[in-house]
Amino acid sequence: NHQPPTNHKKGNTLTATMILRLLTSLLLLGATTADSPDARSIQILNESGRRVDISWIHPQTEELVLQSTPDVLAGASFSLNSFVTHSFLVRELPGKKSGECEGSE
């Protein structure tokens, strides 16, 4: 699978456990379009207990393209249209009061 870039300055990348918790809540709605059988409408439920942002990882350049504007709060869901082959990076955002992330890298 695709390895995300590691030089992110904003927030921590969530731990594997937190990502697993978040992604187990990823609901593939199974909706396809006539334009592409790989197109999907997806909903991501943030069960990590942390405020996160979600970026799409460009497959050639590895550029991060923010999809959540600006973040997804703990317990909130986020919907987007995507494709089966797309990869995303989920990052914990620093607390508004502490300015620090609670999770470990």
PDB file of N, CA and C in Angstrom:
ATOM      1  N   ASN A   1       0.809  -1.188   0.000  1.00  0.00           N
ATOM      2  CA  ASN A   1       0.000   0.000   0.000  1.00  0.00           C
ATOM      3  C   ASN A   1       0.855   1.256   0.000  1.00  0.00           C
ATOM      4  N   HIS A   2       0.241   2.360  -0.233  1.00  0.00           N
ATOM      5  CA  HIS A   2       0.893   3.661  -0.329  1.00  0.00           C
ATOM      6  C   HIS A   2       1.349   4.116   1.046  1.00  0.00           C
ATOM      7  N   GLN A   3       2.589   4.555   1.179  1.00  0.00           N
ATOM      8  CA  GLN A   3       3.112   5.104   2.430  1.00  0.00           C
ATOM      9  C   GLN A   3       2.990   6.623   2.383  1.00  0.00           C
ATOM     10  N   PRO A   4       2.308   7.237   3.366  1.00  0.00           N
ATOM     11  CA  PRO A   4       2.155   8.695   3.353  1.00  0.00           C
ATOM     12  C   PRO A   4       3.465   9.384   3.655  1.00  0.00           C
ATOM     13  N   PRO A   5       3.623  10.602   3.163  1.00  0.00           N
ATOM     14  CA  PRO A   5       4.825  11.373   3.465  1.00  0.00           C
ATOM     15  C   PRO A   5       4.950  11.566   4.973  1.00  0.00           C
ATOM     16  N   THR A   6       6.172  11.725   5.457  1.00  0.00           N
ATOM     17  CA  THR A   6       6.377  11.805   6.903  1.00  0.00           C
ATOM     18  C   THR A   6       6.793  13.183   7.384  1.00  0.00           C
ATOM     19  N   ASN A   7       6.869  14.162   6.528  1.00  0.00           N
ATOM     20  CA  ASN A   7       7.363  15.469   6.944  1.00  0.00           C
ATOM     21  C   ASN A   7       6.229  16.467   7.183  1.00  0.00           C
ATOM     22  N   HIS A   8       5.207  16.076   7.909  1.00  0.00           N
ATOM     23  CA  HIS A   8       4.072  16.949   8.169  1.00  0.00           C
ATOM     24  C   HIS A   8       4.357  17.807   9.384  1.00  0.00           C
ATOM     25  N   LYS A   9       4.106  19.102   9.260  1.00  0.00           N
ATOM     26  CA  LYS A   9       4.376  20.021  10.353  1.00  0.00           C
ATOM     27  C   LYS A   9       3.140  20.269  11.204  1.00  0.00           C
ATOM     28  N   LYS A  10       1.966  20.071  10.656  1.00  0.00           N
ATOM     29  CA  LYS A  10       0.729  20.389  11.356  1.00  0.00           C
ATOM     30  C   LYS A  10       0.143  19.108  11.952  1.00  0.00           C
ATOM     31  N   GLY A  11       0.192  18.952  13.269  1.00  0.00           N
ATOM     32  CA  GLY A  11      -0.456  17.828  13.932  1.00  0.00           C
ATOM     33  C   GLY A  11       0.311  16.542  13.796  1.00  0.00           C
ATOM     34  N   ASN A  12      -0.117  15.558  14.543  1.00  0.00           N
ATOM     35  CA  ASN A  12       0.474  14.230  14.507  1.00  0.00           C
ATOM     36  C   ASN A  12      -0.339  13.328  13.622  1.00  0.00           C
ATOM     37  N   THR A  13       0.330  12.410  12.978  1.00  0.00           N
ATOM     38  CA  THR A  13      -0.379  11.354  12.290  1.00  0.00           C
ATOM     39  C   THR A  13      -0.925  10.447  13.376  1.00  0.00           C
ATOM     40  N   LEU A  14      -2.161  10.049  13.262  1.00  0.00           N
ATOM     41  CA  LEU A  14      -2.780   9.234  14.296  1.00  0.00           C
ATOM     42  C   LEU A  14      -2.091   7.885  14.423  1.00  0.00           C
ATOM     43  N   THR A  15      -2.111   7.336  15.618  1.00  0.00           N
ATOM     44  CA  THR A  15      -1.538   6.016  15.841  1.00  0.00           C
ATOM     45  C   THR A  15      -2.334   4.983  15.063  1.00  0.00           C
ATOM     46  N   ALA A  16      -1.724   3.833  14.848  1.00  0.00           N
ATOM     47  CA  ALA A  16      -2.381   2.766  14.083  1.00  0.00           C
ATOM     48  C   ALA A  16      -3.711   2.376  14.712  1.00  0.00           C
ATOM     49  N   THR A  17      -3.772   2.316  16.026  1.00  0.00           N
ATOM     50  CA  THR A  17      -5.012   1.950  16.711  1.00  0.00           C
ATOM     51  C   THR A  17      -6.099   2.976  16.452  1.00  0.00           C
ATOM     52  N   MET A  18      -5.730   4.257  16.530  1.00  0.00           N
ATOM     53  CA  MET A  18      -6.718   5.298  16.323  1.00  0.00           C
ATOM     54  C   MET A  18      -7.193   5.319  14.876  1.00  0.00           C
ATOM     55  N   ILE A  19      -6.264   5.101  13.960  1.00  0.00           N
ATOM     56  CA  ILE A  19      -6.654   5.056  12.545  1.00  0.00           C
ATOM     57  C   ILE A  19      -7.578   3.882  12.302  1.00  0.00           C
ATOM     58  N   LEU A  20      -7.252   2.734  12.899  1.00  0.00           N
ATOM     59  CA  LEU A  20      -8.096   1.563  12.732  1.00  0.00           C
ATOM     60  C   LEU A  20      -9.500   1.846  13.248  1.00  0.00           C
ATOM     61  N   ARG A  21      -9.596   2.494  14.420  1.00  0.00           N
ATOM     62  CA  ARG A  21     -10.894   2.845  14.971  1.00  0.00           C
ATOM     63  C   ARG A  21     -11.653   3.780  14.042  1.00  0.00           C
ATOM     64  N   LEU A  22     -10.930   4.742  13.488  1.00  0.00           N
ATOM     65  CA  LEU A  22     -11.558   5.696  12.589  1.00  0.00           C
ATOM     66  C   LEU A  22     -11.998   5.018  11.300  1.00  0.00           C
ATOM     67  N   LEU A  23     -11.105   4.216  10.734  1.00  0.00           N
ATOM     68  CA  LEU A  23     -11.404   3.621   9.441  1.00  0.00           C
ATOM     69  C   LEU A  23     -12.384   2.463   9.519  1.00  0.00           C
ATOM     70  N   THR A  24     -12.505   1.824  10.685  1.00  0.00           N
ATOM     71  CA  THR A  24     -13.534   0.795  10.798  1.00  0.00           C
ATOM     72  C   THR A  24     -14.909   1.426  10.738  1.00  0.00           C
ATOM     73  N   SER A  25     -14.951   2.726  10.947  1.00  0.00           N
ATOM     74  CA  SER A  25     -16.215   3.446  10.843  1.00  0.00           C
ATOM     75  C   SER A  25     -16.427   4.032   9.452  1.00  0.00           C
ATOM     76  N   LEU A  26     -15.495   3.780   8.557  1.00  0.00           N
ATOM     77  CA  LEU A  26     -15.633   4.240   7.183  1.00  0.00           C
ATOM     78  C   LEU A  26     -16.706   3.391   6.505  1.00  0.00           C
ATOM     79  N   LEU A  27     -17.740   4.032   6.069  1.00  0.00           N
ATOM     80  CA  LEU A  27     -18.848   3.303   5.476  1.00  0.00           C
ATOM     81  C   LEU A  27     -18.828   3.482   3.964  1.00  0.00           C
ATOM     82  N   LEU A  28     -18.545   2.420   3.255  1.00  0.00           N
ATOM     83  CA  LEU A  28     -18.664   2.486   1.802  1.00  0.00           C
ATOM     84  C   LEU A  28     -20.135   2.337   1.463  1.00  0.00           C
ATOM     85  N   LEU A  29     -20.664   3.353   0.896  1.00  0.00           N
ATOM     86  CA  LEU A  29     -22.083   3.342   0.601  1.00  0.00           C
ATOM     87  C   LEU A  29     -22.399   2.563  -0.665  1.00  0.00           C
ATOM     88  N   GLY A  30     -21.362   2.204  -1.421  1.00  0.00           N
ATOM     89  CA  GLY A  30     -21.560   1.370  -2.589  1.00  0.00           C
ATOM     90  C   GLY A  30     -22.129   2.093  -3.787  1.00  0.00           C
ATOM     91  N   ALA A  31     -22.255   3.385  -3.706  1.00  0.00           N
ATOM     92  CA  ALA A  31     -22.809   4.135  -4.827  1.00  0.00           C
ATOM     93  C   ALA A  31     -21.760   4.272  -5.921  1.00  0.00           C
ATOM     94  N   THR A  32     -22.103   3.876  -7.101  1.00  0.00           N
ATOM     95  CA  THR A  32     -21.210   4.059  -8.237  1.00  0.00           C
ATOM     96  C   THR A  32     -21.894   4.989  -9.219  1.00  0.00           C
ATOM     97  N   THR A  33     -21.112   5.531 -10.143  1.00  0.00           N
ATOM     98  CA  THR A  33     -21.695   6.399 -11.157  1.00  0.00           C
ATOM     99  C   THR A  33     -21.505   5.753 -12.520  1.00  0.00           C
ATOM    100  N   ALA A  34     -22.251   6.239 -13.454  1.00  0.00           N
ATOM    101  CA  ALA A  34     -22.125   5.728 -14.819  1.00  0.00           C
ATOM    102  C   ALA A  34     -20.763   6.088 -15.407  1.00  0.00           C
ATOM    103  N   ASP A  35     -20.153   7.196 -14.917  1.00  0.00           N
ATOM    104  CA  ASP A  35     -18.871   7.642 -15.446  1.00  0.00           C
ATOM    105  C   ASP A  35     -17.733   6.705 -15.048  1.00  0.00           C
ATOM    106  N   SER A  36     -17.766   6.158 -13.853  1.00  0.00           N
ATOM    107  CA  SER A  36     -16.690   5.295 -13.391  1.00  0.00           C
ATOM    108  C   SER A  36     -17.213   4.276 -12.397  1.00  0.00           C
ATOM    109  N   PRO A  37     -16.966   3.001 -12.664  1.00  0.00           N
ATOM    110  CA  PRO A  37     -17.407   1.987 -11.699  1.00  0.00           C
ATOM    111  C   PRO A  37     -16.595   2.018 -10.405  1.00  0.00           C
ATOM    112  N   ASP A  38     -15.454   2.743 -10.384  1.00  0.00           N
ATOM    113  CA  ASP A  38     -14.630   2.845  -9.179  1.00  0.00           C
ATOM    114  C   ASP A  38     -15.012   4.035  -8.298  1.00  0.00           C
ATOM    115  N   ALA A  39     -15.946   4.872  -8.738  1.00  0.00           N
ATOM    116  CA  ALA A  39     -16.368   6.034  -7.958  1.00  0.00           C
ATOM    117  C   ALA A  39     -17.212   5.577  -6.773  1.00  0.00           C
ATOM    118  N   ARG A  40     -17.012   6.240  -5.640  1.00  0.00           N
ATOM    119  CA  ARG A  40     -17.761   5.908  -4.430  1.00  0.00           C
ATOM    120  C   ARG A  40     -18.120   7.171  -3.658  1.00  0.00           C
ATOM    121  N   SER A  41     -19.276   7.144  -3.031  1.00  0.00           N
ATOM    122  CA  SER A  41     -19.647   8.134  -2.027  1.00  0.00           C
ATOM    123  C   SER A  41     -19.302   7.486  -0.701  1.00  0.00           C
ATOM    124  N   ILE A  42     -18.461   8.157   0.097  1.00  0.00           N
ATOM    125  CA  ILE A  42     -18.059   7.567   1.370  1.00  0.00           C
ATOM    126  C   ILE A  42     -18.384   8.507   2.515  1.00  0.00           C
ATOM    127  N   GLN A  43     -18.548   7.918   3.680  1.00  0.00           N
ATOM    128  CA  GLN A  43     -18.778   8.685   4.892  1.00  0.00           C
ATOM    129  C   GLN A  43     -17.775   8.187   5.920  1.00  0.00           C
ATOM    130  N   ILE A  44     -17.071   9.116   6.556  1.00  0.00           N
ATOM    131  CA  ILE A  44     -16.077   8.784   7.568  1.00  0.00           C
ATOM    132  C   ILE A  44     -16.611   9.275   8.906  1.00  0.00           C
ATOM    133  N   LEU A  45     -16.672   8.376   9.879  1.00  0.00           N
ATOM    134  CA  LEU A  45     -17.112   8.720  11.222  1.00  0.00           C
ATOM    135  C   LEU A  45     -15.886   8.766  12.118  1.00  0.00           C
ATOM    136  N   ASN A  46     -15.635   9.891  12.733  1.00  0.00           N
ATOM    137  CA  ASN A  46     -14.466  10.066  13.587  1.00  0.00           C
ATOM    138  C   ASN A  46     -14.763   9.544  14.986  1.00  0.00           C
ATOM    139  N   GLU A  47     -14.309   8.327  15.274  1.00  0.00           N
ATOM    140  CA  GLU A  47     -14.465   7.728  16.596  1.00  0.00           C
ATOM    141  C   GLU A  47     -13.150   7.740  17.364  1.00  0.00           C
ATOM    142  N   SER A  48     -12.200   8.550  16.951  1.00  0.00           N
ATOM    143  CA  SER A  48     -10.874   8.569  17.562  1.00  0.00           C
ATOM    144  C   SER A  48     -10.850   9.303  18.897  1.00  0.00           C
ATOM    145  N   GLY A  49     -11.873  10.114  19.166  1.00  0.00           N
ATOM    146  CA  GLY A  49     -11.864  10.913  20.382  1.00  0.00           C
ATOM    147  C   GLY A  49     -11.035  12.183  20.246  1.00  0.00           C
ATOM    148  N   ARG A  50     -10.547  12.460  19.045  1.00  0.00           N
ATOM    149  CA  ARG A  50      -9.693  13.616  18.783  1.00  0.00           C
ATOM    150  C   ARG A  50     -10.234  14.392  17.576  1.00  0.00           C
ATOM    151  N   ARG A  51      -9.863  15.655  17.493  1.00  0.00           N
ATOM    152  CA  ARG A  51     -10.180  16.481  16.319  1.00  0.00           C
ATOM    153  C   ARG A  51      -9.151  16.154  15.256  1.00  0.00           C
ATOM    154  N   VAL A  52      -9.592  15.855  14.032  1.00  0.00           N
ATOM    155  CA  VAL A  52      -8.686  15.428  12.962  1.00  0.00           C
ATOM    156  C   VAL A  52      -8.948  16.216  11.685  1.00  0.00           C
ATOM    157  N   ASP A  53      -7.964  16.174  10.784  1.00  0.00           N
ATOM    158  CA  ASP A  53      -8.224  16.608   9.419  1.00  0.00           C
ATOM    159  C   ASP A  53      -7.934  15.435   8.492  1.00  0.00           C
ATOM    160  N   ILE A  54      -8.534  15.500   7.313  1.00  0.00           N
ATOM    161  CA  ILE A  54      -8.429  14.413   6.340  1.00  0.00           C
ATOM    162  C   ILE A  54      -7.940  15.005   5.035  1.00  0.00           C
ATOM    163  N   SER A  55      -6.845  14.450   4.526  1.00  0.00           N
ATOM    164  CA  SER A  55      -6.278  14.903   3.250  1.00  0.00           C
ATOM    165  C   SER A  55      -6.191  13.745   2.286  1.00  0.00           C
ATOM    166  N   TRP A  56      -6.452  14.039   1.028  1.00  0.00           N
ATOM    167  CA  TRP A  56      -6.239  13.081  -0.048  1.00  0.00           C
ATOM    168  C   TRP A  56      -4.763  13.138  -0.408  1.00  0.00           C
ATOM    169  N   ILE A  57      -4.161  11.975  -0.671  1.00  0.00           N
ATOM    170  CA  ILE A  57      -2.752  11.908  -1.054  1.00  0.00           C
ATOM    171  C   ILE A  57      -2.675  11.728  -2.568  1.00  0.00           C
ATOM    172  N   HIS A  58      -2.130  12.732  -3.244  1.00  0.00           N
ATOM    173  CA  HIS A  58      -1.979  12.653  -4.703  1.00  0.00           C
ATOM    174  C   HIS A  58      -1.066  11.474  -5.029  1.00  0.00           C
ATOM    175  N   PRO A  59      -1.484  10.549  -5.885  1.00  0.00           N
ATOM    176  CA  PRO A  59      -0.710   9.324  -6.115  1.00  0.00           C
ATOM    177  C   PRO A  59       0.653   9.532  -6.774  1.00  0.00           C
ATOM    178  N   GLN A  60       0.829  10.568  -7.571  1.00  0.00           N
ATOM    179  CA  GLN A  60       2.120  10.794  -8.219  1.00  0.00           C
ATOM    180  C   GLN A  60       3.045  11.699  -7.411  1.00  0.00           C
ATOM    181  N   THR A  61       2.503  12.777  -6.868  1.00  0.00           N
ATOM    182  CA  THR A  61       3.346  13.776  -6.204  1.00  0.00           C
ATOM    183  C   THR A  61       3.386  13.631  -4.684  1.00  0.00           C
ATOM    184  N   GLU A  62       2.471  12.848  -4.129  1.00  0.00           N
ATOM    185  CA  GLU A  62       2.289  12.683  -2.686  1.00  0.00           C
ATOM    186  C   GLU A  62       1.893  13.994  -1.998  1.00  0.00           C
ATOM    187  N   GLU A  63       1.471  14.980  -2.789  1.00  0.00           N
ATOM    188  CA  GLU A  63       0.969  16.230  -2.228  1.00  0.00           C
ATOM    189  C   GLU A  63      -0.303  15.932  -1.441  1.00  0.00           C
ATOM    190  N   LEU A  64      -0.445  16.580  -0.282  1.00  0.00           N
ATOM    191  CA  LEU A  64      -1.652  16.428   0.519  1.00  0.00           C
ATOM    192  C   LEU A  64      -2.651  17.499   0.121  1.00  0.00           C
ATOM    193  N   VAL A  65      -3.879  17.063  -0.169  1.00  0.00           N
ATOM    194  CA  VAL A  65      -4.942  17.980  -0.553  1.00  0.00           C
ATOM    195  C   VAL A  65      -6.031  17.868   0.512  1.00  0.00           C
ATOM    196  N   LEU A  66      -6.171  18.922   1.325  1.00  0.00           N
ATOM    197  CA  LEU A  66      -7.122  18.918   2.426  1.00  0.00           C
ATOM    198  C   LEU A  66      -8.535  18.690   1.893  1.00  0.00           C
ATOM    199  N   GLN A  67      -9.226  17.731   2.483  1.00  0.00           N
ATOM    200  CA  GLN A  67     -10.604  17.430   2.099  1.00  0.00           C
ATOM    201  C   GLN A  67     -11.593  17.940   3.135  1.00  0.00           C
ATOM    202  N   SER A  68     -11.211  17.880   4.413  1.00  0.00           N
ATOM    203  CA  SER A  68     -12.076  18.367   5.486  1.00  0.00           C
ATOM    204  C   SER A  68     -11.771  19.852   5.683  1.00  0.00           C
ATOM    205  N   THR A  69     -12.804  20.654   5.789  1.00  0.00           N
ATOM    206  CA  THR A  69     -12.587  22.089   5.905  1.00  0.00           C
ATOM    207  C   THR A  69     -13.176  22.629   7.176  1.00  0.00           C
ATOM    208  N   PRO A  70     -12.417  22.947   8.187  1.00  0.00           N
ATOM    209  CA  PRO A  70     -11.002  22.639   8.310  1.00  0.00           C
ATOM    210  C   PRO A  70     -10.733  21.320   9.021  1.00  0.00           C
ATOM    211  N   ASP A  71     -11.731  20.811   9.800  1.00  0.00           N
ATOM    212  CA  ASP A  71     -11.457  19.604  10.574  1.00  0.00           C
ATOM    213  C   ASP A  71     -12.734  18.795  10.787  1.00  0.00           C
ATOM    214  N   VAL A  72     -12.554  17.585  11.355  1.00  0.00           N
ATOM    215  CA  VAL A  72     -13.675  16.722  11.701  1.00  0.00           C
ATOM    216  C   VAL A  72     -13.591  16.507  13.214  1.00  0.00           C
ATOM    217  N   LEU A  73     -14.575  16.987  13.925  1.00  0.00           N
ATOM    218  CA  LEU A  73     -14.584  16.884  15.381  1.00  0.00           C
ATOM    219  C   LEU A  73     -14.818  15.443  15.816  1.00  0.00           C
ATOM    220  N   ALA A  74     -14.402  15.113  17.032  1.00  0.00           N
ATOM    221  CA  ALA A  74     -14.647  13.789  17.598  1.00  0.00           C
ATOM    222  C   ALA A  74     -16.145  13.515  17.593  1.00  0.00           C
ATOM    223  N   GLY A  75     -16.527  12.356  17.083  1.00  0.00           N
ATOM    224  CA  GLY A  75     -17.933  11.977  17.023  1.00  0.00           C
ATOM    225  C   GLY A  75     -18.664  12.460  15.783  1.00  0.00           C
ATOM    226  N   ALA A  76     -18.031  13.317  14.995  1.00  0.00           N
ATOM    227  CA  ALA A  76     -18.672  13.866  13.796  1.00  0.00           C
ATOM    228  C   ALA A  76     -18.394  12.972  12.587  1.00  0.00           C
ATOM    229  N   SER A  77     -19.211  13.115  11.574  1.00  0.00           N
ATOM    230  CA  SER A  77     -18.978  12.376  10.330  1.00  0.00           C
ATOM    231  C   SER A  77     -18.664  13.364   9.212  1.00  0.00           C
ATOM    232  N   PHE A  78     -18.042  12.835   8.183  1.00  0.00           N
ATOM    233  CA  PHE A  78     -17.613  13.644   7.040  1.00  0.00           C
ATOM    234  C   PHE A  78     -17.876  12.841   5.782  1.00  0.00           C
ATOM    235  N   SER A  79     -18.548  13.421   4.815  1.00  0.00           N
ATOM    236  CA  SER A  79     -18.880  12.739   3.564  1.00  0.00           C
ATOM    237  C   SER A  79     -18.097  13.324   2.409  1.00  0.00           C
ATOM    238  N   LEU A  80     -17.721  12.470   1.468  1.00  0.00           N
ATOM    239  CA  LEU A  80     -17.070  12.948   0.254  1.00  0.00           C
ATOM    240  C   LEU A  80     -17.214  11.925  -0.850  1.00  0.00           C
ATOM    241  N   ASN A  81     -16.998  12.378  -2.063  1.00  0.00           N
ATOM    242  CA  ASN A  81     -16.977  11.494  -3.221  1.00  0.00           C
ATOM    243  C   ASN A  81     -15.529  11.172  -3.531  1.00  0.00           C
ATOM    244  N   SER A  82     -15.254   9.907  -3.821  1.00  0.00           N
ATOM    245  CA  SER A  82     -13.883   9.476  -4.035  1.00  0.00           C
ATOM    246  C   SER A  82     -13.866   8.317  -5.022  1.00  0.00           C
ATOM    247  N   PHE A  83     -12.719   7.642  -5.072  1.00  0.00           N
ATOM    248  CA  PHE A  83     -12.552   6.471  -5.927  1.00  0.00           C
ATOM    249  C   PHE A  83     -11.899   5.357  -5.120  1.00  0.00           C
ATOM    250  N   VAL A  84     -12.126   4.133  -5.514  1.00  0.00           N
ATOM    251  CA  VAL A  84     -11.604   2.964  -4.811  1.00  0.00           C
ATOM    252  C   VAL A  84     -10.094   3.054  -4.616  1.00  0.00           C
ATOM    253  N   THR A  85      -9.371   3.602  -5.565  1.00  0.00           N
ATOM    254  CA  THR A  85      -7.904   3.633  -5.502  1.00  0.00           C
ATOM    255  C   THR A  85      -7.332   4.798  -4.704  1.00  0.00           C
ATOM    256  N   HIS A  86      -8.155   5.714  -4.212  1.00  0.00           N
ATOM    257  CA  HIS A  86      -7.642   6.884  -3.494  1.00  0.00           C
ATOM    258  C   HIS A  86      -7.153   6.524  -2.097  1.00  0.00           C
ATOM    259  N   SER A  87      -6.092   7.219  -1.655  1.00  0.00           N
ATOM    260  CA  SER A  87      -5.555   7.073  -0.303  1.00  0.00           C
ATOM    261  C   SER A  87      -5.708   8.398   0.425  1.00  0.00           C
ATOM    262  N   PHE A  88      -5.899   8.296   1.733  1.00  0.00           N
ATOM    263  CA  PHE A  88      -6.091   9.477   2.556  1.00  0.00           C
ATOM    264  C   PHE A  88      -5.174   9.436   3.766  1.00  0.00           C
ATOM    265  N   LEU A  89      -4.834  10.607   4.278  1.00  0.00           N
ATOM    266  CA  LEU A  89      -4.062  10.730   5.500  1.00  0.00           C
ATOM    267  C   LEU A  89      -4.955  11.403   6.531  1.00  0.00           C
ATOM    268  N   VAL A  90      -5.060  10.782   7.703  1.00  0.00           N
ATOM    269  CA  VAL A  90      -5.846  11.330   8.802  1.00  0.00           C
ATOM    270  C   VAL A  90      -4.865  11.792   9.862  1.00  0.00           C
ATOM    271  N   ARG A  91      -4.957  13.065  10.247  1.00  0.00           N
ATOM    272  CA  ARG A  91      -4.031  13.617  11.241  1.00  0.00           C
ATOM    273  C   ARG A  91      -4.793  14.197  12.419  1.00  0.00           C
ATOM    274  N   GLU A  92      -4.282  13.935  13.609  1.00  0.00           N
ATOM    275  CA  GLU A  92      -4.802  14.574  14.806  1.00  0.00           C
ATOM    276  C   GLU A  92      -4.363  16.021  14.786  1.00  0.00           C
ATOM    277  N   LEU A  93      -5.254  16.915  15.159  1.00  0.00           N
ATOM    278  CA  LEU A  93      -4.931  18.335  15.223  1.00  0.00           C
ATOM    279  C   LEU A  93      -4.649  18.723  16.675  1.00  0.00           C
ATOM    280  N   PRO A  94      -3.752  19.690  16.865  1.00  0.00           N
ATOM    281  CA  PRO A  94      -3.450  20.141  18.233  1.00  0.00           C
ATOM    282  C   PRO A  94      -4.692  20.690  18.922  1.00  0.00           C
ATOM    283  N   GLY A  95      -4.763  20.479  20.238  1.00  0.00           N
ATOM    284  CA  GLY A  95      -5.860  21.026  21.025  1.00  0.00           C
ATOM    285  C   GLY A  95      -5.870  22.540  20.949  1.00  0.00           C
ATOM    286  N   LYS A  96      -7.036  23.145  20.935  1.00  0.00           N
ATOM    287  CA  LYS A  96      -7.135  24.605  20.810  1.00  0.00           C
ATOM    288  C   LYS A  96      -6.564  25.313  22.030  1.00  0.00           C
ATOM    289  N   LYS A  97      -6.711  24.725  23.224  1.00  0.00           N
ATOM    290  CA  LYS A  97      -6.184  25.359  24.441  1.00  0.00           C
ATOM    291  C   LYS A  97      -4.721  25.007  24.663  1.00  0.00           C
ATOM    292  N   SER A  98      -4.375  23.726  24.527  1.00  0.00           N
ATOM    293  CA  SER A  98      -3.016  23.282  24.849  1.00  0.00           C
ATOM    294  C   SER A  98      -2.044  23.495  23.698  1.00  0.00           C
ATOM    295  N   GLY A  99      -2.563  23.491  22.468  1.00  0.00           N
ATOM    296  CA  GLY A  99      -1.695  23.599  21.303  1.00  0.00           C
ATOM    297  C   GLY A  99      -0.914  22.325  21.040  1.00  0.00           C
ATOM    298  N   GLU A 100      -1.289  21.235  21.710  1.00  0.00           N
ATOM    299  CA  GLU A 100      -0.575  19.967  21.567  1.00  0.00           C
ATOM    300  C   GLU A 100      -1.547  18.851  21.170  1.00  0.00           C
ATOM    301  N   CYS A 101      -0.968  17.817  20.541  1.00  0.00           N
ATOM    302  CA  CYS A 101      -1.713  16.616  20.209  1.00  0.00           C
ATOM    303  C   CYS A 101      -1.635  15.656  21.387  1.00  0.00           C
ATOM    304  N   GLU A 102      -2.693  14.906  21.613  1.00  0.00           N
ATOM    305  CA  GLU A 102      -2.718  13.955  22.714  1.00  0.00           C
ATOM    306  C   GLU A 102      -2.173  12.589  22.324  1.00  0.00           C
ATOM    307  N   GLY A 103      -2.344  12.215  21.062  1.00  0.00           N
ATOM    308  CA  GLY A 103      -1.888  10.905  20.599  1.00  0.00           C
ATOM    309  C   GLY A 103      -0.384  10.876  20.406  1.00  0.00           C
ATOM    310  N   SER A 104       0.148   9.661  20.313  1.00  0.00           N
ATOM    311  CA  SER A 104       1.589   9.524  20.052  1.00  0.00           C
ATOM    312  C   SER A 104       1.791   9.169  18.600  1.00  0.00           C
ATOM    313  N   GLU A 105       2.969   9.474  18.089  1.00  0.00           N
ATOM    314  CA  GLU A 105       3.257   9.185  16.682  1.00  0.00           C
ATOM    315  C   GLU A 105       3.631   7.748  16.512  1.00  0.00           C
TER     316      GLU A 105
END
